[in-house]
Amino acid sequence: MPTSSTPAAETSASECQQNIAAFAAVGEDDEDKARAQRAALAAAALKEQQEKAAASRSAAAEATLKAAAAAEANRQAEASAKAEAARKAEAARKAEASQKAEAARRAEAARKAAINARAKAATPTKISSFVGGGTSSSGTSGGGSAYYPNCSAVRAAGKAPIYRGQPGYSGKLDRDGDGVACE
């Protein structure tokens, strides 16, 4: 059976093909649009990820800077505290040294006062046998009317050294017998 084709049928077949091609083109356009939209969404998502990563890096860098600043502040505070402790220790050491020096000065003053008190207690007394410059029982010249029991008393009286013939000279005060006592 041969098919007969009429111009109307050919037109409609030709129109169908054109319509199909148009629909296909429209479909291709829609598909291209969909691809473009998907690409745009992917690009927007990528941009958003990049922005989030940049923000995260920025926040991390800021946190690192803050941590470094805090560490530096702590280091400076520790250094300041150590310096203050050293200053206080030095001040305490100086105060202690000053107290020790004052205690030593007072002890020396007390020692000198005790020596002076002993010397005053051993103040030279006049012995009648020496008045007139006679000789002592040891055969040495007494040299006057003062008597000192020892050289500490002579020094306390401010009379050291005593020479033979001076008041207070005694052979027992002259250790080496050279005529100078309490030298």
N, C-alpha and C. Protein backbone atom coordinates (compact mmCIF):
# COMPACT_ATOMS: atom_id res chain seq x y z
N MET A 1 0.79 -1.16 0.00
CA MET A 1 0.00 0.00 0.00
C MET A 1 0.84 1.24 0.00
N PRO A 2 0.63 1.81 -1.11
CA PRO A 2 1.39 3.04 -1.22
C PRO A 2 0.73 4.12 -0.42
N THR A 3 1.54 4.94 0.12
CA THR A 3 1.00 6.02 0.94
C THR A 3 0.94 7.24 0.08
N SER A 4 -0.08 7.84 0.24
CA SER A 4 -0.22 9.06 -0.54
C SER A 4 0.03 10.22 0.39
N SER A 5 0.73 11.10 -0.10
CA SER A 5 0.99 12.25 0.73
C SER A 5 0.37 13.45 0.12
N THR A 6 -0.21 14.16 0.94
CA THR A 6 -0.91 15.36 0.52
C THR A 6 -0.07 16.54 0.97
N PRO A 7 -0.25 17.63 0.28
CA PRO A 7 0.52 18.78 0.72
C PRO A 7 0.18 19.18 2.14
N ALA A 8 -1.01 18.96 2.55
CA ALA A 8 -1.38 19.31 3.93
C ALA A 8 -0.68 18.38 4.87
N ALA A 9 -0.55 17.14 4.52
CA ALA A 9 0.12 16.19 5.39
C ALA A 9 1.60 16.50 5.44
N GLU A 10 2.14 16.87 4.32
CA GLU A 10 3.55 17.21 4.31
C GLU A 10 3.79 18.45 5.13
N THR A 11 2.91 19.37 5.07
CA THR A 11 3.05 20.58 5.85
C THR A 11 2.96 20.23 7.31
N SER A 12 2.02 19.43 7.62
CA SER A 12 1.89 19.14 9.04
C SER A 12 3.07 18.31 9.52
N ALA A 13 3.63 17.47 8.68
CA ALA A 13 4.79 16.72 9.10
C ALA A 13 5.98 17.67 9.23
N SER A 14 6.07 18.57 8.31
CA SER A 14 7.15 19.55 8.36
C SER A 14 6.98 20.44 9.57
N GLU A 15 5.75 20.82 9.84
CA GLU A 15 5.47 21.64 11.03
C GLU A 15 5.80 20.87 12.29
N CYS A 16 5.51 19.61 12.29
CA CYS A 16 5.80 18.77 13.47
C CYS A 16 7.29 18.72 13.71
N GLN A 17 8.00 18.55 12.62
CA GLN A 17 9.44 18.49 12.79
C GLN A 17 9.98 19.83 13.30
N GLN A 18 9.40 20.89 12.78
CA GLN A 18 9.82 22.21 13.26
C GLN A 18 9.44 22.39 14.71
N ASN A 19 8.24 21.95 15.03
CA ASN A 19 7.78 22.05 16.43
C ASN A 19 8.68 21.20 17.33
N ILE A 20 9.02 20.01 16.87
CA ILE A 20 9.88 19.13 17.66
C ILE A 20 11.24 19.79 17.82
N ALA A 21 11.75 20.35 16.73
CA ALA A 21 13.04 21.03 16.80
C ALA A 21 12.96 22.22 17.74
N ALA A 22 11.83 22.96 17.66
CA ALA A 22 11.65 24.11 18.54
C ALA A 22 11.57 23.67 19.98
N PHE A 23 10.77 22.58 20.21
CA PHE A 23 10.68 22.05 21.58
C PHE A 23 12.04 21.56 22.07
N ALA A 24 12.76 20.94 21.14
CA ALA A 24 14.08 20.45 21.51
C ALA A 24 14.99 21.63 21.84
N ALA A 25 14.88 22.69 21.03
CA ALA A 25 15.69 23.87 21.29
C ALA A 25 15.29 24.49 22.60
N VAL A 26 13.95 24.52 22.83
CA VAL A 26 13.48 25.06 24.10
C VAL A 26 13.97 24.16 25.22
N GLY A 27 13.92 22.88 25.00
CA GLY A 27 14.40 21.94 26.02
C GLY A 27 15.88 22.11 26.26
N GLU A 28 16.59 22.33 25.14
CA GLU A 28 18.02 22.55 25.28
C GLU A 28 18.27 23.86 26.01
N ASP A 29 17.47 24.89 25.66
CA ASP A 29 17.62 26.17 26.36
C ASP A 29 17.32 26.01 27.85
N ASP A 30 16.27 25.26 28.16
CA ASP A 30 15.92 25.03 29.57
C ASP A 30 17.04 24.26 30.28
N GLU A 31 17.57 23.29 29.55
CA GLU A 31 18.65 22.49 30.12
C GLU A 31 19.89 23.37 30.32
N ASP A 32 20.18 24.22 29.33
CA ASP A 32 21.30 25.13 29.46
C ASP A 32 21.08 26.10 30.62
N LYS A 33 19.85 26.55 30.73
CA LYS A 33 19.52 27.46 31.84
C LYS A 33 19.70 26.75 33.17
N ALA A 34 19.26 25.50 33.23
CA ALA A 34 19.38 24.72 34.46
C ALA A 34 20.85 24.50 34.79
N ARG A 35 21.65 24.17 33.76
CA ARG A 35 23.08 23.99 33.97
C ARG A 35 23.71 25.30 34.48
N ALA A 36 23.31 26.38 33.85
CA ALA A 36 23.84 27.69 34.24
C ALA A 36 23.46 28.02 35.68
N GLN A 37 22.21 27.68 36.03
CA GLN A 37 21.76 27.94 37.41
C GLN A 37 22.55 27.07 38.40
N ARG A 38 22.72 25.79 38.01
CA ARG A 38 23.50 24.90 38.89
C ARG A 38 24.95 25.41 39.02
N ALA A 39 25.52 25.87 37.92
CA ALA A 39 26.88 26.40 37.95
C ALA A 39 26.94 27.66 38.81
N ALA A 40 25.91 28.52 38.68
CA ALA A 40 25.87 29.74 39.49
C ALA A 40 25.74 29.39 40.97
N LEU A 41 24.89 28.39 41.28
CA LEU A 41 24.74 27.96 42.68
C LEU A 41 26.05 27.38 43.22
N ALA A 42 26.69 26.58 42.39
CA ALA A 42 27.97 25.99 42.80
C ALA A 42 29.00 27.09 43.02
N ALA A 43 29.04 28.08 42.13
CA ALA A 43 29.99 29.19 42.28
C ALA A 43 29.68 29.98 43.55
N ALA A 44 28.38 30.21 43.82
CA ALA A 44 27.99 30.94 45.03
C ALA A 44 28.38 30.15 46.28
N ALA A 45 28.17 28.82 46.23
CA ALA A 45 28.53 27.97 47.37
C ALA A 45 30.04 27.98 47.58
N LEU A 46 30.80 27.91 46.47
CA LEU A 46 32.25 27.95 46.56
C LEU A 46 32.71 29.28 47.13
N LYS A 47 32.11 30.36 46.66
CA LYS A 47 32.46 31.69 47.17
C LYS A 47 32.16 31.79 48.65
N GLU A 48 31.03 31.24 49.05
CA GLU A 48 30.65 31.26 50.47
C GLU A 48 31.64 30.45 51.31
N GLN A 49 32.05 29.28 50.79
CA GLN A 49 33.04 28.46 51.49
C GLN A 49 34.37 29.21 51.62
N GLN A 50 34.77 29.88 50.53
CA GLN A 50 36.01 30.63 50.55
C GLN A 50 35.93 31.78 51.56
N GLU A 51 34.79 32.46 51.59
CA GLU A 51 34.62 33.55 52.55
C GLU A 51 34.65 33.04 53.98
N LYS A 52 33.98 31.86 54.20
CA LYS A 52 34.00 31.27 55.55
C LYS A 52 35.42 30.86 55.93
N ALA A 53 36.17 30.29 54.98
CA ALA A 53 37.54 29.88 55.26
C ALA A 53 38.40 31.11 55.56
N ALA A 54 38.21 32.19 54.79
CA ALA A 54 38.97 33.42 55.04
C ALA A 54 38.62 33.99 56.40
N ALA A 55 37.33 33.97 56.75
CA ALA A 55 36.90 34.47 58.06
C ALA A 55 37.49 33.60 59.17
N SER A 56 37.51 32.30 58.93
CA SER A 56 38.07 31.38 59.93
C SER A 56 39.56 31.63 60.10
N ARG A 57 40.29 31.83 58.98
CA ARG A 57 41.72 32.13 59.06
C ARG A 57 41.94 33.46 59.77
N SER A 58 41.10 34.43 59.47
CA SER A 58 41.21 35.74 60.11
C SER A 58 40.96 35.62 61.61
N ALA A 59 39.93 34.84 61.98
CA ALA A 59 39.64 34.65 63.40
C ALA A 59 40.79 33.91 64.08
N ALA A 60 41.36 32.92 63.40
CA ALA A 60 42.49 32.18 63.97
C ALA A 60 43.69 33.09 64.14
N ALA A 61 43.95 33.92 63.15
CA ALA A 61 45.07 34.86 63.25
C ALA A 61 44.84 35.85 64.39
N GLU A 62 43.62 36.32 64.52
CA GLU A 62 43.28 37.25 65.60
C GLU A 62 43.44 36.57 66.95
N ALA A 63 42.99 35.32 67.03
CA ALA A 63 43.13 34.57 68.29
C ALA A 63 44.61 34.36 68.61
N THR A 64 45.42 34.08 67.58
CA THR A 64 46.86 33.90 67.79
C THR A 64 47.48 35.19 68.29
N LEU A 65 47.09 36.31 67.69
CA LEU A 65 47.62 37.60 68.13
C LEU A 65 47.20 37.90 69.56
N LYS A 66 45.94 37.59 69.89
CA LYS A 66 45.48 37.82 71.26
C LYS A 66 46.25 36.94 72.24
N ALA A 67 46.47 35.68 71.85
CA ALA A 67 47.21 34.77 72.73
C ALA A 67 48.64 35.26 72.91
N ALA A 68 49.26 35.74 71.83
CA ALA A 68 50.62 36.25 71.92
C ALA A 68 50.66 37.50 72.81
N ALA A 69 49.66 38.36 72.66
CA ALA A 69 49.61 39.57 73.50
C ALA A 69 49.41 39.19 74.96
N ALA A 70 48.56 38.20 75.21
CA ALA A 70 48.33 37.76 76.59
C ALA A 70 49.60 37.14 77.16
N ALA A 71 50.30 36.34 76.35
CA ALA A 71 51.55 35.73 76.82
C ALA A 71 52.59 36.80 77.13
N GLU A 72 52.67 37.81 76.28
CA GLU A 72 53.62 38.91 76.51
C GLU A 72 53.25 39.67 77.78
N ALA A 73 51.95 39.90 77.96
CA ALA A 73 51.50 40.60 79.18
C ALA A 73 51.84 39.77 80.42
N ASN A 74 51.65 38.46 80.34
CA ASN A 74 51.99 37.59 81.47
C ASN A 74 53.49 37.61 81.73
N ARG A 75 54.30 37.58 80.66
CA ARG A 75 55.75 37.62 80.81
C ARG A 75 56.18 38.92 81.47
N GLN A 76 55.59 40.03 81.02
CA GLN A 76 55.94 41.32 81.61
C GLN A 76 55.49 41.39 83.07
N ALA A 77 54.32 40.84 83.37
CA ALA A 77 53.84 40.84 84.76
C ALA A 77 54.77 40.01 85.64
N GLU A 78 55.21 38.85 85.12
CA GLU A 78 56.13 38.01 85.89
C GLU A 78 57.46 38.73 86.10
N ALA A 79 57.96 39.38 85.05
CA ALA A 79 59.22 40.11 85.16
C ALA A 79 59.08 41.25 86.17
N SER A 80 57.95 41.93 86.13
CA SER A 80 57.71 43.02 87.08
C SER A 80 57.63 42.48 88.50
N ALA A 81 56.94 41.35 88.66
CA ALA A 81 56.82 40.75 89.99
C ALA A 81 58.19 40.31 90.51
N LYS A 82 59.02 39.73 89.62
CA LYS A 82 60.37 39.31 90.03
C LYS A 82 61.20 40.52 90.43
N ALA A 83 61.10 41.58 89.64
CA ALA A 83 61.86 42.79 89.95
C ALA A 83 61.41 43.38 91.29
N GLU A 84 60.11 43.39 91.52
CA GLU A 84 59.58 43.91 92.78
C GLU A 84 60.04 43.04 93.95
N ALA A 85 60.01 41.71 93.76
CA ALA A 85 60.48 40.81 94.82
C ALA A 85 61.97 41.02 95.09
N ALA A 86 62.75 41.21 94.03
CA ALA A 86 64.18 41.46 94.22
C ALA A 86 64.41 42.79 94.94
N ARG A 87 63.62 43.80 94.58
CA ARG A 87 63.75 45.11 95.24
C ARG A 87 63.41 44.98 96.72
N LYS A 88 62.33 44.25 97.02
CA LYS A 88 61.93 44.06 98.43
C LYS A 88 62.99 43.26 99.18
N ALA A 89 63.54 42.23 98.54
CA ALA A 89 64.58 41.42 99.19
C ALA A 89 65.81 42.27 99.48
N GLU A 90 66.18 43.12 98.52
CA GLU A 90 67.34 44.01 98.72
C GLU A 90 67.06 44.99 99.85
N ALA A 91 65.85 45.53 99.88
CA ALA A 91 65.50 46.47 100.96
C ALA A 91 65.53 45.76 102.31
N ALA A 92 65.03 44.52 102.35
CA ALA A 92 65.05 43.75 103.60
C ALA A 92 66.49 43.45 104.02
N ARG A 93 67.35 43.11 103.03
CA ARG A 93 68.75 42.83 103.33
C ARG A 93 69.44 44.08 103.87
N LYS A 94 69.16 45.22 103.26
CA LYS A 94 69.76 46.47 103.73
C LYS A 94 69.27 46.82 105.13
N ALA A 95 67.96 46.61 105.37
CA ALA A 95 67.41 46.90 106.70
C ALA A 95 68.05 45.99 107.74
N GLU A 96 68.23 44.71 107.39
CA GLU A 96 68.85 43.77 108.32
C GLU A 96 70.30 44.15 108.59
N ALA A 97 71.01 44.54 107.52
CA ALA A 97 72.40 44.97 107.70
C ALA A 97 72.47 46.21 108.57
N SER A 98 71.54 47.12 108.36
CA SER A 98 71.50 48.34 109.17
C SER A 98 71.22 48.00 110.64
N GLN A 99 70.29 47.07 110.85
CA GLN A 99 69.99 46.66 112.23
C GLN A 99 71.20 45.99 112.88
N LYS A 100 71.90 45.15 112.10
CA LYS A 100 73.09 44.49 112.64
C LYS A 100 74.17 45.52 112.97
N ALA A 101 74.34 46.49 112.08
CA ALA A 101 75.35 47.53 112.32
C ALA A 101 74.98 48.34 113.56
N GLU A 102 73.71 48.67 113.70
CA GLU A 102 73.26 49.42 114.88
C GLU A 102 73.47 48.59 116.14
N ALA A 103 73.16 47.27 116.07
CA ALA A 103 73.36 46.40 117.23
C ALA A 103 74.85 46.32 117.57
N ALA A 104 75.70 46.23 116.55
CA ALA A 104 77.14 46.18 116.79
C ALA A 104 77.63 47.50 117.39
N ARG A 105 77.11 48.62 116.89
CA ARG A 105 77.49 49.92 117.44
C ARG A 105 77.09 50.01 118.91
N ARG A 106 75.87 49.56 119.21
CA ARG A 106 75.41 49.60 120.61
C ARG A 106 76.24 48.67 121.48
N ALA A 107 76.57 47.49 120.95
CA ALA A 107 77.38 46.55 121.73
C ALA A 107 78.76 47.14 121.99
N GLU A 108 79.33 47.80 120.99
CA GLU A 108 80.65 48.43 121.16
C GLU A 108 80.56 49.56 122.19
N ALA A 109 79.48 50.34 122.11
CA ALA A 109 79.30 51.43 123.09
C ALA A 109 79.14 50.85 124.49
N ALA A 110 78.40 49.74 124.62
CA ALA A 110 78.22 49.11 125.93
C ALA A 110 79.55 48.55 126.43
N ARG A 111 80.33 47.95 125.51
CA ARG A 111 81.64 47.42 125.89
C ARG A 111 82.55 48.54 126.38
N LYS A 112 82.57 49.65 125.65
CA LYS A 112 83.39 50.79 126.06
C LYS A 112 82.91 51.36 127.39
N ALA A 113 81.60 51.41 127.56
CA ALA A 113 81.05 51.91 128.82
C ALA A 113 81.45 50.99 129.97
N ALA A 114 81.44 49.68 129.71
CA ALA A 114 81.84 48.73 130.77
C ALA A 114 83.32 48.89 131.09
N ILE A 115 84.13 49.08 130.06
CA ILE A 115 85.57 49.29 130.30
C ILE A 115 85.78 50.57 131.10
N ASN A 116 85.08 51.62 130.72
CA ASN A 116 85.20 52.89 131.45
C ASN A 116 84.72 52.73 132.89
N ALA A 117 83.63 51.97 133.07
CA ALA A 117 83.12 51.75 134.42
C ALA A 117 84.14 50.98 135.25
N ARG A 118 84.75 49.96 134.64
CA ARG A 118 85.77 49.20 135.38
C ARG A 118 86.99 50.08 135.68
N ALA A 119 87.35 50.92 134.73
CA ALA A 119 88.49 51.80 134.93
C ALA A 119 88.20 52.81 136.03
N LYS A 120 86.97 53.32 136.05
CA LYS A 120 86.61 54.26 137.11
C LYS A 120 86.58 53.57 138.45
N ALA A 121 86.17 52.31 138.43
CA ALA A 121 86.15 51.57 139.68
C ALA A 121 87.59 51.33 140.15
N ALA A 122 88.50 51.24 139.20
CA ALA A 122 89.91 51.02 139.55
C ALA A 122 90.68 52.32 139.46
N THR A 123 90.03 53.41 139.79
CA THR A 123 90.66 54.72 139.72
C THR A 123 91.89 54.74 140.62
N PRO A 124 92.92 55.39 140.17
CA PRO A 124 94.15 55.43 140.96
C PRO A 124 93.89 55.99 142.37
N THR A 125 94.45 55.35 143.31
CA THR A 125 94.33 55.81 144.70
C THR A 125 95.71 56.19 145.21
N LYS A 126 95.75 57.12 146.06
CA LYS A 126 97.03 57.57 146.61
C LYS A 126 97.45 56.64 147.73
N ILE A 127 98.68 56.26 147.67
CA ILE A 127 99.25 55.43 148.74
C ILE A 127 100.30 56.28 149.43
N SER A 128 100.19 56.35 150.71
CA SER A 128 101.06 57.25 151.47
C SER A 128 102.53 56.89 151.33
N SER A 129 102.83 55.63 151.08
CA SER A 129 104.24 55.26 150.98
C SER A 129 104.87 55.82 149.71
N PHE A 130 104.07 56.15 148.69
CA PHE A 130 104.62 56.67 147.45
C PHE A 130 104.74 58.18 147.47
N VAL A 131 104.09 58.80 148.39
CA VAL A 131 104.17 60.25 148.43
C VAL A 131 105.61 60.62 148.73
N GLY A 132 106.14 61.47 147.94
CA GLY A 132 107.52 61.90 148.15
C GLY A 132 108.50 61.12 147.31
N GLY A 133 108.06 60.17 146.49
CA GLY A 133 108.91 59.49 145.52
C GLY A 133 109.85 58.48 146.11
N GLY A 134 109.45 57.71 147.08
CA GLY A 134 110.29 56.66 147.65
C GLY A 134 110.41 55.48 146.71
N THR A 135 110.96 54.37 147.20
CA THR A 135 111.09 53.16 146.41
C THR A 135 110.08 52.15 146.87
N SER A 136 109.65 51.35 145.89
CA SER A 136 108.67 50.31 146.22
C SER A 136 109.39 49.11 146.78
N SER A 137 108.65 48.12 147.21
CA SER A 137 109.25 46.94 147.80
C SER A 137 110.03 46.14 146.76
N SER A 138 109.76 46.33 145.47
CA SER A 138 110.50 45.59 144.45
C SER A 138 111.79 46.31 144.08
N GLY A 139 112.00 47.45 144.62
CA GLY A 139 113.23 48.17 144.39
C GLY A 139 113.15 49.14 143.24
N THR A 140 112.01 49.35 142.61
CA THR A 140 111.89 50.28 141.52
C THR A 140 111.34 51.58 142.04
N SER A 141 111.61 52.60 141.33
CA SER A 141 111.15 53.91 141.74
C SER A 141 109.67 54.03 141.50
N GLY A 142 108.92 54.45 142.48
CA GLY A 142 107.47 54.63 142.36
C GLY A 142 107.15 55.82 141.53
N GLY A 143 107.90 56.88 141.61
CA GLY A 143 107.75 58.03 140.75
C GLY A 143 106.58 58.89 141.06
N GLY A 144 105.88 58.79 142.13
CA GLY A 144 104.79 59.71 142.43
C GLY A 144 103.75 59.08 143.30
N SER A 145 102.56 59.70 143.29
CA SER A 145 101.53 59.29 144.22
C SER A 145 100.37 58.52 143.59
N ALA A 146 100.39 58.20 142.31
CA ALA A 146 99.29 57.47 141.68
C ALA A 146 99.57 55.98 141.71
N TYR A 147 98.50 55.19 141.77
CA TYR A 147 98.65 53.73 141.75
C TYR A 147 97.65 53.16 140.76
N TYR A 148 98.12 52.30 139.89
CA TYR A 148 97.26 51.62 138.93
C TYR A 148 97.45 50.13 139.11
N PRO A 149 96.35 49.41 139.27
CA PRO A 149 96.49 47.97 139.49
C PRO A 149 96.91 47.21 138.23
N ASN A 150 96.61 47.78 137.05
CA ASN A 150 97.00 47.11 135.80
C ASN A 150 97.01 48.13 134.67
N CYS A 151 97.47 47.70 133.50
CA CYS A 151 97.58 48.62 132.36
C CYS A 151 96.22 49.05 131.83
N SER A 152 95.20 48.23 131.99
CA SER A 152 93.85 48.63 131.55
C SER A 152 93.40 49.87 132.31
N ALA A 153 93.73 49.92 133.61
CA ALA A 153 93.38 51.09 134.41
C ALA A 153 94.18 52.30 133.95
N VAL A 154 95.44 52.08 133.58
CA VAL A 154 96.28 53.18 133.10
C VAL A 154 95.70 53.74 131.80
N ARG A 155 95.35 52.83 130.89
CA ARG A 155 94.79 53.26 129.60
C ARG A 155 93.45 53.96 129.80
N ALA A 156 92.61 53.42 130.70
CA ALA A 156 91.30 54.03 130.95
C ALA A 156 91.47 55.43 131.53
N ALA A 157 92.52 55.65 132.26
CA ALA A 157 92.78 56.97 132.83
C ALA A 157 93.44 57.89 131.81
N GLY A 158 93.80 57.33 130.65
CA GLY A 158 94.44 58.13 129.60
C GLY A 158 95.89 58.46 129.91
N LYS A 159 96.58 57.66 130.71
CA LYS A 159 97.95 57.96 131.14
C LYS A 159 98.99 57.08 130.47
N ALA A 160 98.61 56.15 129.60
CA ALA A 160 99.58 55.24 128.97
C ALA A 160 100.33 55.97 127.87
N PRO A 161 101.57 55.71 127.67
CA PRO A 161 102.49 54.92 128.50
C PRO A 161 103.01 55.76 129.67
N ILE A 162 103.45 55.08 130.70
CA ILE A 162 104.00 55.75 131.88
C ILE A 162 105.50 55.47 131.89
N TYR A 163 106.29 56.51 132.04
CA TYR A 163 107.74 56.36 132.05
C TYR A 163 108.25 56.32 133.49
N ARG A 164 109.36 55.65 133.66
CA ARG A 164 109.97 55.56 134.99
C ARG A 164 110.18 56.97 135.53
N GLY A 165 109.72 57.18 136.73
CA GLY A 165 109.83 58.48 137.37
C GLY A 165 108.52 59.26 137.34
N GLN A 166 107.56 58.85 136.50
CA GLN A 166 106.27 59.53 136.46
C GLN A 166 105.34 58.92 137.51
N PRO A 167 104.35 59.72 137.98
CA PRO A 167 103.39 59.16 138.95
C PRO A 167 102.67 57.95 138.37
N GLY A 168 102.55 56.88 139.11
CA GLY A 168 101.84 55.68 138.73
C GLY A 168 102.71 54.61 138.11
N TYR A 169 104.00 54.93 137.81
CA TYR A 169 104.89 53.92 137.24
C TYR A 169 105.14 52.84 138.27
N SER A 170 105.13 51.58 137.80
CA SER A 170 105.43 50.46 138.67
C SER A 170 106.15 49.42 137.84
N GLY A 171 107.06 48.70 138.44
CA GLY A 171 107.80 47.66 137.74
C GLY A 171 106.88 46.55 137.24
N LYS A 172 105.77 46.30 137.95
CA LYS A 172 104.87 45.23 137.50
C LYS A 172 104.11 45.62 136.25
N LEU A 173 104.07 46.95 135.96
CA LEU A 173 103.40 47.41 134.75
C LEU A 173 104.38 47.45 133.57
N ASP A 174 105.67 47.37 133.84
CA ASP A 174 106.70 47.42 132.81
C ASP A 174 107.16 46.00 132.54
N ARG A 175 106.59 45.33 131.58
CA ARG A 175 106.84 43.91 131.33
C ARG A 175 108.28 43.64 130.88
N ASP A 176 108.79 44.50 130.01
CA ASP A 176 110.12 44.21 129.48
C ASP A 176 111.24 44.95 130.23
N GLY A 177 110.86 45.73 131.25
CA GLY A 177 111.84 46.38 132.11
C GLY A 177 112.63 47.47 131.42
N ASP A 178 112.10 48.09 130.37
CA ASP A 178 112.83 49.14 129.66
C ASP A 178 112.54 50.55 130.18
N GLY A 179 111.75 50.64 131.26
CA GLY A 179 111.45 51.93 131.84
C GLY A 179 110.20 52.56 131.28
N VAL A 180 109.47 51.86 130.42
CA VAL A 180 108.21 52.37 129.85
C VAL A 180 107.13 51.34 130.19
N ALA A 181 106.16 51.75 131.02
CA ALA A 181 105.09 50.84 131.43
C ALA A 181 103.86 51.03 130.55
N CYS A 182 103.15 49.97 130.33
CA CYS A 182 101.87 49.97 129.59
C CYS A 182 102.05 50.55 128.18
N GLU A 183 103.07 50.10 127.49
CA GLU A 183 103.32 50.61 126.13
C GLU A 183 102.53 49.86 125.11
